[in-house]
């Protein structure tokens, strides 16, 4: 069974490795949407894979690092593409969420990435 919870955060970033003519070369911001998925068997007594509150607690530990920040200033995110942010989030969340199976990160309502832990 797959369970997920969705969160949002607002952050600024720029992409230092793109050409000067690319619009993302310069500081701009997004309201990011992140979905955190876990996968596992249903608990025989509780009837769930994981309490949604546990997903929220894991997110709350990394949210202050991202929310209303310049992502380029965060160690490991010097080139904060959507792909790199998803990998970073995975690395931060995995210790608290052993059943973590997927992260979806949206920069816009129609553009995003999905990461399953294998680069």
N, C-alpha and C. Protein backbone atom coordinates (compact mmCIF):
# COMPACT_ATOMS: atom_id res chain seq x y z
N UNK A 1 0.85 -1.17 0.00
CA UNK A 1 0.00 0.00 0.00
C UNK A 1 0.90 1.23 0.00
N UNK A 2 0.49 2.23 -0.73
CA UNK A 2 1.24 3.49 -0.82
C UNK A 2 0.43 4.58 -0.12
N UNK A 3 1.10 5.34 0.72
CA UNK A 3 0.50 6.45 1.46
C UNK A 3 1.34 7.68 1.16
N UNK A 4 0.67 8.84 1.02
CA UNK A 4 1.44 10.06 0.80
C UNK A 4 0.80 11.24 1.50
N UNK A 5 1.61 12.25 1.70
CA UNK A 5 1.15 13.52 2.25
C UNK A 5 1.82 14.63 1.45
N UNK A 6 1.09 15.72 1.26
CA UNK A 6 1.57 16.84 0.45
C UNK A 6 1.76 18.07 1.31
N UNK A 7 2.82 18.82 1.00
CA UNK A 7 3.15 20.05 1.72
C UNK A 7 3.58 21.10 0.70
N UNK A 8 3.62 22.35 1.13
CA UNK A 8 4.15 23.42 0.28
C UNK A 8 5.19 24.21 1.06
N UNK A 9 6.08 24.85 0.32
CA UNK A 9 7.02 25.80 0.90
C UNK A 9 7.36 26.82 -0.16
N UNK A 10 7.72 28.00 0.29
CA UNK A 10 8.10 29.10 -0.60
C UNK A 10 9.60 29.32 -0.47
N UNK A 11 10.27 29.45 -1.60
CA UNK A 11 11.72 29.64 -1.57
C UNK A 11 12.19 30.33 -2.84
N UNK A 12 13.36 30.96 -2.72
CA UNK A 12 14.01 31.59 -3.87
C UNK A 12 15.22 30.75 -4.27
N UNK A 13 15.59 30.88 -5.53
CA UNK A 13 16.80 30.21 -6.00
C UNK A 13 17.21 30.79 -7.34
N UNK A 14 18.40 30.41 -7.76
CA UNK A 14 18.88 30.69 -9.11
C UNK A 14 19.72 29.50 -9.52
N UNK A 15 19.86 29.32 -10.82
CA UNK A 15 20.64 28.19 -11.33
C UNK A 15 21.96 28.72 -11.90
N UNK A 16 23.06 28.53 -11.18
CA UNK A 16 24.33 29.13 -11.57
C UNK A 16 24.97 28.53 -12.81
N UNK A 17 24.56 27.35 -13.21
CA UNK A 17 25.23 26.66 -14.31
C UNK A 17 24.57 26.82 -15.66
N UNK A 18 23.45 27.54 -15.73
CA UNK A 18 22.79 27.75 -17.02
C UNK A 18 23.37 28.99 -17.69
N UNK A 19 23.20 29.14 -19.01
CA UNK A 19 23.72 30.33 -19.70
C UNK A 19 23.11 31.62 -19.15
N UNK A 20 23.83 32.71 -19.31
CA UNK A 20 23.35 34.02 -18.84
C UNK A 20 22.02 34.41 -19.46
N UNK A 21 21.72 33.87 -20.61
CA UNK A 21 20.46 34.21 -21.29
C UNK A 21 19.26 33.43 -20.75
N UNK A 22 19.48 32.45 -19.90
CA UNK A 22 18.38 31.64 -19.36
C UNK A 22 17.72 32.38 -18.20
N UNK A 23 16.39 32.38 -18.17
CA UNK A 23 15.67 33.14 -17.14
C UNK A 23 15.94 32.63 -15.72
N UNK A 24 16.32 31.37 -15.59
CA UNK A 24 16.57 30.82 -14.25
C UNK A 24 17.97 31.13 -13.72
N UNK A 25 18.78 31.81 -14.53
CA UNK A 25 20.12 32.20 -14.10
C UNK A 25 20.05 33.19 -12.94
N UNK A 26 18.96 33.90 -12.85
CA UNK A 26 18.83 34.99 -11.90
C UNK A 26 17.81 34.64 -10.81
N UNK A 27 17.99 35.26 -9.66
CA UNK A 27 17.16 34.97 -8.50
C UNK A 27 15.68 35.12 -8.83
N UNK A 28 14.92 34.12 -8.43
CA UNK A 28 13.47 34.13 -8.58
C UNK A 28 12.91 33.14 -7.56
N UNK A 29 11.61 33.09 -7.44
CA UNK A 29 11.03 32.24 -6.41
C UNK A 29 9.90 31.37 -6.91
N UNK A 30 9.57 30.38 -6.11
CA UNK A 30 8.47 29.46 -6.40
C UNK A 30 7.73 29.14 -5.11
N UNK A 31 6.49 28.79 -5.27
CA UNK A 31 5.78 28.07 -4.22
C UNK A 31 5.87 26.60 -4.61
N UNK A 32 6.76 25.90 -3.95
CA UNK A 32 6.99 24.49 -4.25
C UNK A 32 5.92 23.64 -3.58
N UNK A 33 5.59 22.55 -4.23
CA UNK A 33 4.69 21.55 -3.66
C UNK A 33 5.47 20.24 -3.62
N UNK A 34 5.47 19.60 -2.47
CA UNK A 34 6.20 18.34 -2.32
C UNK A 34 5.24 17.27 -1.81
N UNK A 35 5.29 16.12 -2.43
CA UNK A 35 4.53 14.96 -1.98
C UNK A 35 5.53 13.92 -1.51
N UNK A 36 5.31 13.43 -0.30
CA UNK A 36 6.18 12.44 0.31
C UNK A 36 5.41 11.13 0.40
N UNK A 37 5.94 10.09 -0.23
CA UNK A 37 5.28 8.78 -0.32
C UNK A 37 6.03 7.75 0.52
N UNK A 38 5.28 6.91 1.19
CA UNK A 38 5.85 5.73 1.84
C UNK A 38 5.08 4.51 1.34
N UNK A 39 5.74 3.37 1.35
CA UNK A 39 5.11 2.15 0.87
C UNK A 39 5.44 1.01 1.81
N UNK A 40 4.43 0.24 2.15
CA UNK A 40 4.63 -0.89 3.03
C UNK A 40 3.34 -1.65 3.25
N UNK A 41 3.41 -2.68 4.06
CA UNK A 41 2.22 -3.48 4.35
C UNK A 41 1.31 -2.77 5.35
N UNK A 42 0.05 -3.10 5.30
CA UNK A 42 -0.89 -2.60 6.30
C UNK A 42 -0.60 -3.25 7.65
N UNK A 43 -0.59 -2.44 8.69
CA UNK A 43 -0.44 -2.99 10.04
C UNK A 43 -1.69 -3.80 10.35
N UNK A 44 -1.54 -5.04 10.82
CA UNK A 44 -2.71 -5.91 10.99
C UNK A 44 -3.73 -5.39 12.00
N UNK A 45 -3.29 -4.66 13.01
CA UNK A 45 -4.23 -4.15 14.01
C UNK A 45 -4.66 -2.72 13.73
N UNK A 46 -3.72 -1.88 13.31
CA UNK A 46 -4.03 -0.47 13.11
C UNK A 46 -4.71 -0.20 11.78
N UNK A 47 -4.44 -1.06 10.80
CA UNK A 47 -5.08 -0.90 9.49
C UNK A 47 -4.47 0.17 8.62
N UNK A 48 -3.28 0.63 8.95
CA UNK A 48 -2.60 1.63 8.13
C UNK A 48 -1.14 1.23 7.91
N UNK A 49 -0.53 1.88 6.92
CA UNK A 49 0.90 1.70 6.68
C UNK A 49 1.68 2.56 7.65
N UNK A 50 1.24 3.81 7.78
CA UNK A 50 1.90 4.78 8.66
C UNK A 50 0.90 5.86 9.01
N UNK A 51 1.00 6.37 10.19
CA UNK A 51 0.17 7.48 10.62
C UNK A 51 0.57 8.72 9.80
N UNK A 52 -0.42 9.43 9.26
CA UNK A 52 -0.13 10.67 8.53
C UNK A 52 0.66 11.65 9.40
N UNK A 53 0.44 11.61 10.70
CA UNK A 53 1.15 12.50 11.61
C UNK A 53 2.66 12.23 11.59
N UNK A 54 3.06 10.98 11.36
CA UNK A 54 4.48 10.66 11.28
C UNK A 54 5.12 11.28 10.04
N UNK A 55 4.37 11.30 8.93
CA UNK A 55 4.86 11.97 7.72
C UNK A 55 5.01 13.46 7.98
N UNK A 56 4.01 14.03 8.64
CA UNK A 56 4.06 15.46 8.95
C UNK A 56 5.24 15.78 9.86
N UNK A 57 5.46 14.96 10.87
CA UNK A 57 6.58 15.19 11.79
C UNK A 57 7.92 15.16 11.06
N UNK A 58 8.09 14.22 10.13
CA UNK A 58 9.34 14.15 9.36
C UNK A 58 9.51 15.40 8.52
N UNK A 59 8.44 15.86 7.87
CA UNK A 59 8.51 17.07 7.06
C UNK A 59 8.84 18.28 7.92
N UNK A 60 8.24 18.39 9.08
CA UNK A 60 8.43 19.57 9.94
C UNK A 60 9.89 19.74 10.36
N UNK A 61 10.67 18.67 10.31
CA UNK A 61 12.09 18.77 10.66
C UNK A 61 12.91 19.45 9.56
N UNK A 62 12.48 19.32 8.31
CA UNK A 62 13.26 19.95 7.23
C UNK A 62 12.59 21.21 6.67
N UNK A 63 11.32 21.39 6.94
CA UNK A 63 10.62 22.57 6.41
C UNK A 63 11.31 23.88 6.76
N UNK A 64 11.76 24.10 8.01
CA UNK A 64 12.39 25.38 8.33
C UNK A 64 13.69 25.63 7.56
N UNK A 65 14.33 24.58 7.10
CA UNK A 65 15.57 24.73 6.33
C UNK A 65 15.26 25.30 4.94
N UNK A 66 14.07 24.97 4.40
CA UNK A 66 13.70 25.34 3.03
C UNK A 66 12.80 26.56 2.94
N UNK A 67 11.85 26.68 3.84
CA UNK A 67 10.78 27.65 3.70
C UNK A 67 11.27 29.09 3.86
N UNK A 68 10.96 29.91 2.87
CA UNK A 68 11.35 31.32 2.83
C UNK A 68 12.87 31.50 2.92
N UNK A 69 13.57 30.61 2.26
CA UNK A 69 15.03 30.66 2.22
C UNK A 69 15.52 30.76 0.78
N UNK A 70 16.78 31.13 0.62
CA UNK A 70 17.45 31.05 -0.68
C UNK A 70 18.07 29.65 -0.73
N UNK A 71 17.55 28.82 -1.60
CA UNK A 71 17.96 27.42 -1.63
C UNK A 71 19.45 27.25 -1.90
N UNK A 72 20.02 28.14 -2.69
CA UNK A 72 21.45 28.06 -3.01
C UNK A 72 22.33 28.14 -1.77
N UNK A 73 21.81 28.71 -0.68
CA UNK A 73 22.59 28.86 0.55
C UNK A 73 22.59 27.61 1.42
N UNK A 74 21.80 26.62 1.07
CA UNK A 74 21.68 25.40 1.86
C UNK A 74 22.78 24.42 1.42
N UNK A 75 23.56 23.90 2.36
CA UNK A 75 24.59 22.92 1.99
C UNK A 75 23.98 21.76 1.19
N UNK A 76 24.60 21.48 0.04
CA UNK A 76 24.12 20.43 -0.85
C UNK A 76 23.19 20.93 -1.94
N UNK A 77 22.83 22.21 -1.91
CA UNK A 77 21.91 22.76 -2.91
C UNK A 77 22.50 23.97 -3.63
N UNK A 78 23.77 23.94 -3.92
CA UNK A 78 24.39 25.08 -4.62
C UNK A 78 23.84 25.24 -6.03
N UNK A 79 23.33 24.17 -6.62
CA UNK A 79 22.69 24.21 -7.94
C UNK A 79 21.28 23.61 -7.79
N UNK A 80 20.35 24.39 -7.21
CA UNK A 80 19.07 23.83 -6.78
C UNK A 80 18.03 23.66 -7.89
N UNK A 81 18.32 22.73 -8.79
CA UNK A 81 17.31 22.33 -9.76
C UNK A 81 16.23 21.53 -9.02
N UNK A 82 15.10 21.34 -9.65
CA UNK A 82 14.05 20.52 -9.03
C UNK A 82 14.59 19.13 -8.72
N UNK A 83 15.38 18.59 -9.62
CA UNK A 83 15.95 17.26 -9.42
C UNK A 83 16.83 17.23 -8.16
N UNK A 84 17.69 18.23 -8.02
CA UNK A 84 18.60 18.27 -6.88
C UNK A 84 17.86 18.50 -5.56
N UNK A 85 16.80 19.29 -5.59
CA UNK A 85 16.00 19.52 -4.38
C UNK A 85 15.32 18.22 -3.96
N UNK A 86 14.80 17.47 -4.92
CA UNK A 86 14.14 16.19 -4.60
C UNK A 86 15.13 15.20 -3.99
N UNK A 87 16.33 15.13 -4.55
CA UNK A 87 17.36 14.23 -4.01
C UNK A 87 17.74 14.67 -2.60
N UNK A 88 17.92 15.98 -2.40
CA UNK A 88 18.26 16.51 -1.08
C UNK A 88 17.17 16.16 -0.07
N UNK A 89 15.91 16.38 -0.44
CA UNK A 89 14.80 16.08 0.46
C UNK A 89 14.79 14.59 0.81
N UNK A 90 15.00 13.74 -0.18
CA UNK A 90 15.07 12.29 0.06
C UNK A 90 16.13 11.97 1.11
N UNK A 91 17.32 12.52 0.91
CA UNK A 91 18.43 12.24 1.83
C UNK A 91 18.12 12.71 3.25
N UNK A 92 17.40 13.81 3.37
CA UNK A 92 17.04 14.32 4.69
C UNK A 92 15.94 13.49 5.35
N UNK A 93 14.97 13.04 4.56
CA UNK A 93 13.80 12.35 5.10
C UNK A 93 14.01 10.86 5.33
N UNK A 94 14.85 10.22 4.55
CA UNK A 94 14.99 8.76 4.60
C UNK A 94 15.32 8.22 5.99
N UNK A 95 16.21 8.85 6.77
CA UNK A 95 16.48 8.30 8.11
C UNK A 95 15.24 8.24 9.01
N UNK A 96 14.36 9.21 8.89
CA UNK A 96 13.14 9.24 9.71
C UNK A 96 12.01 8.41 9.11
N UNK A 97 12.10 8.14 7.81
CA UNK A 97 11.04 7.42 7.11
C UNK A 97 11.63 6.23 6.35
N UNK A 98 11.90 5.13 7.03
CA UNK A 98 12.49 3.97 6.35
C UNK A 98 11.64 3.44 5.20
N UNK A 99 10.33 3.68 5.24
CA UNK A 99 9.44 3.21 4.18
C UNK A 99 9.32 4.21 3.02
N UNK A 100 10.12 5.27 3.05
CA UNK A 100 10.07 6.28 1.99
C UNK A 100 10.25 5.60 0.63
N UNK A 101 9.34 5.90 -0.30
CA UNK A 101 9.41 5.23 -1.60
C UNK A 101 9.45 6.20 -2.78
N UNK A 102 9.03 7.44 -2.56
CA UNK A 102 8.95 8.37 -3.68
C UNK A 102 8.81 9.79 -3.13
N UNK A 103 9.42 10.71 -3.86
CA UNK A 103 9.22 12.14 -3.61
C UNK A 103 8.84 12.78 -4.92
N UNK A 104 7.78 13.55 -4.91
CA UNK A 104 7.42 14.38 -6.06
C UNK A 104 7.58 15.83 -5.64
N UNK A 105 8.27 16.59 -6.47
CA UNK A 105 8.49 18.01 -6.19
C UNK A 105 8.03 18.81 -7.40
N UNK A 106 7.14 19.76 -7.16
CA UNK A 106 6.60 20.60 -8.22
C UNK A 106 7.11 22.03 -8.03
N UNK A 107 7.72 22.58 -9.09
CA UNK A 107 8.10 24.00 -9.08
C UNK A 107 6.93 24.87 -9.47
N UNK A 108 6.10 24.35 -10.34
CA UNK A 108 4.89 25.04 -10.78
C UNK A 108 3.77 24.01 -10.77
N UNK A 109 2.53 24.44 -10.93
CA UNK A 109 1.44 23.45 -10.95
C UNK A 109 1.58 22.39 -12.05
N UNK A 110 2.32 22.71 -13.11
CA UNK A 110 2.42 21.76 -14.23
C UNK A 110 3.82 21.22 -14.48
N UNK A 111 4.79 21.54 -13.62
CA UNK A 111 6.18 21.10 -13.85
C UNK A 111 6.79 20.58 -12.56
N UNK A 112 7.31 19.37 -12.63
CA UNK A 112 7.92 18.79 -11.44
C UNK A 112 8.74 17.57 -11.76
N UNK A 113 9.24 16.95 -10.70
CA UNK A 113 10.06 15.76 -10.82
C UNK A 113 9.58 14.71 -9.82
N UNK A 114 9.90 13.46 -10.10
CA UNK A 114 9.64 12.37 -9.17
C UNK A 114 10.96 11.64 -8.94
N UNK A 115 11.23 11.32 -7.69
CA UNK A 115 12.48 10.65 -7.33
C UNK A 115 12.17 9.46 -6.44
N UNK A 116 12.78 8.33 -6.74
CA UNK A 116 12.52 7.10 -6.00
C UNK A 116 13.76 6.56 -5.30
N UNK A 117 14.77 7.39 -5.16
CA UNK A 117 15.96 6.98 -4.41
C UNK A 117 17.08 6.41 -5.24
N UNK A 118 16.87 6.23 -6.52
CA UNK A 118 17.93 5.72 -7.39
C UNK A 118 18.26 6.81 -8.40
N UNK A 119 19.49 7.28 -8.33
CA UNK A 119 19.85 8.43 -9.17
C UNK A 119 20.06 8.02 -10.59
